Structure formats: structure tokens, C-alpha cells
Amino acid sequence: MKINKIIKPTESKLPFTIMLADPKSKFGMEEVSNPFSGETCELPRYAVAVYEAIKVAEVVGDYTKVRKGLDWFSKHFTDEYYVLLD
């Protein structure tokens, strides 16, 4: 699944601070798969960082962060949300 429009983090405030190894690559595309269904999506790297932060927050029990991340993801990457996080 490819996204039609890449939102820029400055246009839509990210739900929390993310760390990227190479900030210049934040708009580069990366394929992410749902570990349970095997379905894949292409996302910009900043969205992958948000996805990964959500998954880590689930493991450590930070449900406030999970909720913020899910709300942001469902608003800005709706189709991908249903593939990866629903």
C-alpha cells in the first residue's frame, strides 16, 4: 500500500518527540509490516519512528503515549493505521 500524500511533520505536529538517525531522511520511504498479519505499508521514516514508539510504549505500559500515537496515526495515516495498528 502506498500513501498518496506525505504530510510534513511541520504541517501536523507529531504526537511526541522522535529520534531519527539521519534527520535529513525523514521523508524517505520505508516498508513496515504488521507482525501478526504480514501485511505491509510504505511510510515516511518519521511516521515509522512514531509507529515504533507506539509499539515500545505498548511493551513498557505507557498507555498515554500509545493513545497519543494511535490518535495521530489514525488521523494522518488512516489506511496504514488499519493495516498496522488496528
C-alpha atoms as a PDB file:
ATOM      1  CA  MET A   1       0.000   0.000   0.000  1.00  0.00           C
ATOM      2  CA  LYS A   2       1.424   3.384  -0.989  1.00  0.00           C
ATOM      3  CA  ILE A   3       0.324   6.644   0.504  1.00  0.00           C
ATOM      4  CA  ASN A   4      -0.892   9.349  -1.835  1.00  0.00           C
ATOM      5  CA  LYS A   5       0.220  12.317   0.214  1.00  0.00           C
ATOM      6  CA  ILE A   6       3.134  12.635   2.554  1.00  0.00           C
ATOM      7  CA  ILE A   7       2.350  15.021   5.363  1.00  0.00           C
ATOM      8  CA  LYS A   8       5.207  17.076   6.681  1.00  0.00           C
ATOM      9  CA  PRO A   9       5.800  16.977  10.417  1.00  0.00           C
ATOM     10  CA  THR A  10       5.750  20.771  10.474  1.00  0.00           C
ATOM     11  CA  GLU A  11       2.252  20.776   8.957  1.00  0.00           C
ATOM     12  CA  SER A  12       0.972  18.311  11.505  1.00  0.00           C
ATOM     13  CA  LYS A  13       2.616  18.342  14.883  1.00  0.00           C
ATOM     14  CA  LEU A  14       3.957  14.928  15.807  1.00  0.00           C
ATOM     15  CA  PRO A  15       2.398  13.352  18.916  1.00  0.00           C
ATOM     16  CA  PHE A  16       5.735  13.207  20.725  1.00  0.00           C
ATOM     17  CA  THR A  17       9.434  13.730  20.129  1.00  0.00           C
ATOM     18  CA  ILE A  18      11.018  11.173  17.830  1.00  0.00           C
ATOM     19  CA  MET A  19      14.650  10.403  17.148  1.00  0.00           C
ATOM     20  CA  LEU A  20      15.936   9.702  13.651  1.00  0.00           C
ATOM     21  CA  ALA A  21      19.462   8.506  12.957  1.00  0.00           C
ATOM     22  CA  ASP A  22      19.562  10.738   9.883  1.00  0.00           C
ATOM     23  CA  PRO A  23      17.081  13.638  10.192  1.00  0.00           C
ATOM     24  CA  LYS A  24      17.610  14.548   6.533  1.00  0.00           C
ATOM     25  CA  SER A  25      15.979  11.246   5.553  1.00  0.00           C
ATOM     26  CA  LYS A  26      12.703  11.865   7.422  1.00  0.00           C
ATOM     27  CA  PHE A  27      10.728  11.905   4.154  1.00  0.00           C
ATOM     28  CA  GLY A  28      12.408   8.799   2.768  1.00  0.00           C
ATOM     29  CA  MET A  29      10.009   5.892   2.407  1.00  0.00           C
ATOM     30  CA  GLU A  30      10.285   2.663   4.355  1.00  0.00           C
ATOM     31  CA  GLU A  31       8.229  -0.517   4.233  1.00  0.00           C
ATOM     32  CA  VAL A  32       6.702  -1.672   7.512  1.00  0.00           C
ATOM     33  CA  SER A  33       4.865  -4.938   8.093  1.00  0.00           C
ATOM     34  CA  ASN A  34       2.261  -5.960  10.605  1.00  0.00           C
ATOM     35  CA  PRO A  35       3.897  -8.725  12.679  1.00  0.00           C
ATOM     36  CA  PHE A  36       0.600 -10.575  13.044  1.00  0.00           C
ATOM     37  CA  SER A  37      -0.944 -10.395   9.557  1.00  0.00           C
ATOM     38  CA  GLY A  38       2.175  -9.902   7.439  1.00  0.00           C
ATOM     39  CA  GLU A  39       0.515  -7.028   5.537  1.00  0.00           C
ATOM     40  CA  THR A  40       2.864  -4.204   4.591  1.00  0.00           C
ATOM     41  CA  CYS A  41       2.688  -0.435   4.100  1.00  0.00           C
ATOM     42  CA  GLU A  42       5.094   2.208   2.909  1.00  0.00           C
ATOM     43  CA  LEU A  43       5.506   5.126   5.276  1.00  0.00           C
ATOM     44  CA  PRO A  44       7.826   8.114   5.532  1.00  0.00           C
ATOM     45  CA  ARG A  45      10.567   7.469   8.072  1.00  0.00           C
ATOM     46  CA  TYR A  46       9.183   9.962  10.591  1.00  0.00           C
ATOM     47  CA  ALA A  47       5.897   8.007  10.628  1.00  0.00           C
ATOM     48  CA  VAL A  48       7.837   4.750  11.055  1.00  0.00           C
ATOM     49  CA  ALA A  49       9.517   6.325  14.091  1.00  0.00           C
ATOM     50  CA  VAL A  50       6.088   7.173  15.544  1.00  0.00           C
ATOM     51  CA  TYR A  51       4.904   3.607  14.825  1.00  0.00           C
ATOM     52  CA  GLU A  52       7.946   2.135  16.563  1.00  0.00           C
ATOM     53  CA  ALA A  53       7.473   4.451  19.552  1.00  0.00           C
ATOM     54  CA  ILE A  54       3.868   3.257  19.852  1.00  0.00           C
ATOM     55  CA  LYS A  55       4.985  -0.377  19.864  1.00  0.00           C
ATOM     56  CA  VAL A  56       7.655   0.287  22.510  1.00  0.00           C
ATOM     57  CA  ALA A  57       5.154   2.214  24.642  1.00  0.00           C
ATOM     58  CA  GLU A  58       2.810  -0.798  24.493  1.00  0.00           C
ATOM     59  CA  VAL A  59       5.562  -3.065  25.822  1.00  0.00           C
ATOM     60  CA  VAL A  60       6.524  -0.761  28.703  1.00  0.00           C
ATOM     61  CA  GLY A  61       2.913   0.073  29.564  1.00  0.00           C
ATOM     62  CA  ASP A  62       2.955   3.792  28.710  1.00  0.00           C
ATOM     63  CA  TYR A  63      -0.661   3.890  27.550  1.00  0.00           C
ATOM     64  CA  THR A  64      -0.815   7.693  27.460  1.00  0.00           C
ATOM     65  CA  LYS A  65       1.876   7.657  24.788  1.00  0.00           C
ATOM     66  CA  VAL A  66       0.163   4.765  22.999  1.00  0.00           C
ATOM     67  CA  ARG A  67      -3.120   6.695  22.875  1.00  0.00           C
ATOM     68  CA  LYS A  68      -1.457   9.888  21.605  1.00  0.00           C
ATOM     69  CA  GLY A  69       0.362   7.927  18.913  1.00  0.00           C
ATOM     70  CA  LEU A  70      -2.721   5.981  17.827  1.00  0.00           C
ATOM     71  CA  ASP A  71      -4.817   9.136  17.601  1.00  0.00           C
ATOM     72  CA  TRP A  72      -2.170  10.863  15.477  1.00  0.00           C
ATOM     73  CA  PHE A  73      -1.664   7.817  13.263  1.00  0.00           C
ATOM     74  CA  SER A  74      -5.376   7.264  12.663  1.00  0.00           C
ATOM     75  CA  LYS A  75      -5.839  10.927  11.726  1.00  0.00           C
ATOM     76  CA  HIS A  76      -2.877  11.282   9.352  1.00  0.00           C
ATOM     77  CA  PHE A  77      -2.291   7.755   8.035  1.00  0.00           C
ATOM     78  CA  THR A  78      -5.755   6.229   8.251  1.00  0.00           C
ATOM     79  CA  ASP A  79      -5.303   3.357   5.794  1.00  0.00           C
ATOM     80  CA  GLU A  80      -1.927   2.456   7.247  1.00  0.00           C
ATOM     81  CA  TYR A  81      -3.358   2.626  10.767  1.00  0.00           C
ATOM     82  CA  TYR A  82      -5.874  -0.074   9.877  1.00  0.00           C
ATOM     83  CA  VAL A  83      -3.151  -2.275   8.384  1.00  0.00           C
ATOM     84  CA  LEU A  84      -0.553  -1.847  11.128  1.00  0.00           C
ATOM     85  CA  LEU A  85      -2.251  -0.888  14.384  1.00  0.00           C
ATOM     86  CA  ASP A  86      -5.942  -1.752  14.392  1.00  0.00           C
END
